Amino acid sequence: MIIRKARVDDARGIANVQVATWKTAYSSIVPDDYLSCLSSQKLESGWTKALQQVSPPEVVFVVDDPEEGIIGFARAGPCKSDPYHYAAELQAIYILEKHQRKGLGTQLFFQVTRHFLQHKINSMVLWVLTENSATLFYEELGGTAIAQNQREIGGENLPITAYAWPRLADVVPRPDNS
């Protein structure tokens, strides 16, 4: 498995991961009608355009498996509207269900935080569906719940929680010098 920056030709793989993970992770959270309408083909063109326009410090990383192709991704960039004054936002981090709990999400998370630190960005926030079991993952990575709100998905207002990392330098593991 290789974690690398996404290329435009990764758009289909990213779209496939996004649809598959939404259908597994959010099946009891997001309305079924919404999930059943998700389509990799529809999302692929959006990802192609997004990947053509990525410019630092925005970044998309993929987990590329030599046999299966793209099995996960993370997308992050500067915060566009954050009343809490965090410099960056982790917008998405998804791993196909059969590859979860193997450390890949953690590796993606640290890749994003290192990327931000290289760009002199020292804080980050993430909004996640409150009922998503991934909230535990973010807490284990040192995220602190700082706010709640709602997001409309499929005609329903769903609760979302903001997790924050006010000092990314405190989060990234230090190299082992032993």
Protein backbone atom coordinates (compact mmCIF):
# COMPACT_ATOMS: atom_id res chain seq x y z
CA MET A 1 0.00 0.00 0.00
CA ILE A 2 1.24 3.45 -0.93
CA ILE A 3 -0.08 6.75 0.37
CA ARG A 4 0.54 9.48 -2.17
CA LYS A 5 -0.91 12.72 -3.47
CA ALA A 6 -3.86 12.14 -5.76
CA ARG A 7 -3.61 12.63 -9.51
CA VAL A 8 -6.42 13.55 -11.91
CA ASP A 9 -6.58 9.95 -13.14
CA ASP A 10 -7.49 8.87 -9.57
CA ALA A 11 -10.91 10.53 -9.85
CA ARG A 12 -12.80 7.30 -10.62
CA GLY A 13 -11.16 5.40 -7.75
CA ILE A 14 -11.85 8.22 -5.29
CA ALA A 15 -15.49 8.41 -6.41
CA ASN A 16 -15.84 4.64 -5.99
CA VAL A 17 -14.44 4.82 -2.45
CA GLN A 18 -16.67 7.76 -1.55
CA VAL A 19 -19.85 6.01 -2.70
CA ALA A 20 -18.95 2.66 -1.12
CA THR A 21 -18.00 4.19 2.23
CA TRP A 22 -21.08 6.40 2.40
CA LYS A 23 -23.28 3.36 1.75
CA THR A 24 -21.62 1.32 4.50
CA ALA A 25 -20.78 3.97 7.10
CA TYR A 26 -23.97 5.99 6.87
CA SER A 27 -26.57 3.29 6.14
CA SER A 28 -28.41 3.83 9.42
CA ILE A 29 -27.72 7.58 9.61
CA VAL A 30 -28.42 9.11 6.19
CA PRO A 31 -31.80 8.57 4.45
CA ASP A 32 -31.83 5.42 2.30
CA ASP A 33 -33.20 7.33 -0.71
CA TYR A 34 -30.18 9.61 -0.66
CA LEU A 35 -27.71 6.74 -0.39
CA SER A 36 -29.37 4.74 -3.16
CA CYS A 37 -28.97 7.71 -5.54
CA LEU A 38 -25.22 8.03 -4.96
CA SER A 39 -23.32 7.20 -8.12
CA SER A 40 -19.61 6.88 -8.78
CA GLN A 41 -20.18 8.03 -12.35
CA LYS A 42 -21.85 11.24 -11.14
CA LEU A 43 -19.11 11.95 -8.59
CA GLU A 44 -16.21 11.14 -10.92
CA SER A 45 -16.57 14.30 -13.01
CA GLY A 46 -16.66 16.42 -9.84
CA TRP A 47 -13.52 14.73 -8.57
CA THR A 48 -11.79 15.18 -11.93
CA LYS A 49 -12.49 18.90 -11.80
CA ALA A 50 -11.49 19.16 -8.13
CA LEU A 51 -8.21 17.32 -8.70
CA GLN A 52 -7.38 19.60 -11.65
CA GLN A 53 -7.78 22.61 -9.37
CA VAL A 54 -5.98 21.43 -6.22
CA SER A 55 -3.38 23.95 -5.15
CA PRO A 56 -1.38 23.96 -1.93
CA PRO A 57 -2.06 24.01 0.85
CA GLU A 58 -5.15 22.11 -0.31
CA VAL A 59 -4.35 18.41 -0.73
CA VAL A 60 -5.91 15.07 -1.59
CA PHE A 61 -4.05 11.92 -0.56
CA VAL A 62 -4.97 8.42 -1.71
CA VAL A 63 -4.20 4.96 -0.42
CA ASP A 64 -3.20 3.02 -3.52
CA ASP A 65 -3.17 -0.75 -3.32
CA PRO A 66 -1.17 -2.42 -6.13
CA GLU A 67 -3.89 -5.04 -6.63
CA GLU A 68 -7.11 -3.12 -5.92
CA GLY A 69 -6.27 0.45 -6.84
CA ILE A 70 -7.59 3.30 -4.72
CA ILE A 71 -8.94 1.97 -1.40
CA GLY A 72 -9.02 5.20 0.60
CA PHE A 73 -8.49 8.93 0.48
CA ALA A 74 -8.32 12.11 2.51
CA ARG A 75 -9.12 15.63 1.39
CA ALA A 76 -8.10 18.74 3.29
CA GLY A 77 -7.51 22.41 2.79
CA PRO A 78 -7.68 25.84 4.34
CA CYS A 79 -10.78 26.60 6.40
CA LYS A 80 -13.11 28.72 4.34
CA SER A 81 -15.63 29.67 7.01
CA ASP A 82 -14.63 28.74 10.52
CA PRO A 83 -15.94 30.89 13.36
CA TYR A 84 -13.58 28.97 15.68
CA HIS A 85 -10.45 30.26 13.90
CA TYR A 86 -8.81 27.01 12.86
CA ALA A 87 -6.51 27.42 9.87
CA ALA A 88 -7.29 24.15 8.09
CA GLU A 89 -10.09 21.68 7.65
CA LEU A 90 -9.97 17.93 7.17
CA GLN A 91 -12.88 17.69 4.76
CA ALA A 92 -13.00 13.94 4.22
CA ILE A 93 -11.22 10.76 5.15
CA TYR A 94 -12.61 7.47 3.83
CA ILE A 95 -11.29 3.92 3.72
CA LEU A 96 -13.16 1.02 2.13
CA GLU A 97 -14.80 -1.04 4.87
CA LYS A 98 -12.74 -4.20 4.32
CA HIS A 99 -9.52 -2.16 4.77
CA GLN A 100 -10.59 -0.32 7.91
CA ARG A 101 -9.00 -0.94 11.31
CA LYS A 102 -5.59 -1.61 9.72
CA GLY A 103 -4.06 1.78 10.48
CA LEU A 104 -4.61 3.30 7.03
CA GLY A 105 -6.94 6.03 8.28
CA THR A 106 -4.39 6.97 10.93
CA GLN A 107 -1.65 7.10 8.31
CA LEU A 108 -3.79 9.34 6.10
CA PHE A 109 -4.56 11.60 9.06
CA PHE A 110 -0.86 12.00 9.89
CA GLN A 111 -0.01 12.58 6.23
CA VAL A 112 -2.51 15.46 6.19
CA THR A 113 -1.21 16.94 9.44
CA ARG A 114 2.42 16.75 8.25
CA HIS A 115 1.38 18.40 4.98
CA PHE A 116 -0.23 21.27 6.87
CA LEU A 117 2.76 21.72 9.14
CA GLN A 118 5.03 21.92 6.08
CA HIS A 119 2.79 24.75 4.86
CA LYS A 120 3.01 26.54 8.24
CA ILE A 121 -0.60 25.63 9.10
CA ASN A 122 -0.81 24.75 12.76
CA SER A 123 -4.47 24.01 13.55
CA MET A 124 -7.27 21.95 12.04
CA VAL A 125 -10.97 21.28 12.41
CA LEU A 126 -13.23 18.53 11.04
CA TRP A 127 -17.02 18.27 10.89
CA VAL A 128 -18.43 14.75 11.16
CA LEU A 129 -21.91 13.28 11.42
CA THR A 130 -22.44 12.94 15.16
CA GLU A 131 -23.85 9.41 14.88
CA ASN A 132 -20.86 8.23 12.83
CA SER A 133 -18.75 5.71 14.74
CA ALA A 134 -15.66 7.47 13.33
CA THR A 135 -16.06 10.06 16.10
CA LEU A 136 -14.15 7.62 18.32
CA PHE A 137 -11.34 7.50 15.74
CA TYR A 138 -11.00 11.29 15.83
CA GLU A 139 -11.04 11.32 19.63
CA GLU A 140 -8.29 8.68 19.71
CA LEU A 141 -6.23 10.97 17.45
CA GLY A 142 -6.54 13.78 19.97
CA GLY A 143 -9.51 15.63 18.47
CA THR A 144 -11.67 17.56 20.90
CA ALA A 145 -15.37 18.12 20.22
CA ILE A 146 -15.83 21.89 20.16
CA ALA A 147 -19.22 22.51 18.53
CA GLN A 148 -22.37 20.97 17.20
CA ASN A 149 -24.58 21.99 14.31
CA GLN A 150 -26.79 20.41 11.68
CA ARG A 151 -26.29 19.52 8.04
CA GLU A 152 -29.06 18.86 5.57
CA ILE A 153 -28.57 15.58 3.74
CA GLY A 154 -31.31 13.94 1.73
CA GLY A 155 -33.96 16.29 3.06
CA GLU A 156 -33.15 15.64 6.71
CA ASN A 157 -31.25 17.81 9.16
CA LEU A 158 -28.61 15.60 10.71
CA PRO A 159 -26.49 16.51 13.75
CA ILE A 160 -22.82 17.16 13.08
CA THR A 161 -19.95 17.66 15.51
CA ALA A 162 -16.78 19.67 15.02
CA TYR A 163 -13.54 18.11 16.24
CA ALA A 164 -10.49 20.33 16.57
CA TRP A 165 -6.74 20.04 16.84
CA PRO A 166 -5.50 23.45 18.00
CA ARG A 167 -1.79 22.50 17.76
CA LEU A 168 -0.99 20.04 15.00
CA ALA A 169 2.65 19.89 16.07
CA ASP A 170 1.46 18.12 19.25
CA VAL A 171 -0.41 15.50 17.20
CA VAL A 172 2.14 14.26 14.66
CA PRO A 173 4.28 11.40 15.93
CA ARG A 174 7.93 12.24 16.30
CA PRO A 175 10.44 10.11 14.37
CA ASP A 176 11.94 7.35 16.50
CA ASN A 177 15.60 8.20 17.01
CA SER A 178 16.54 5.00 18.80
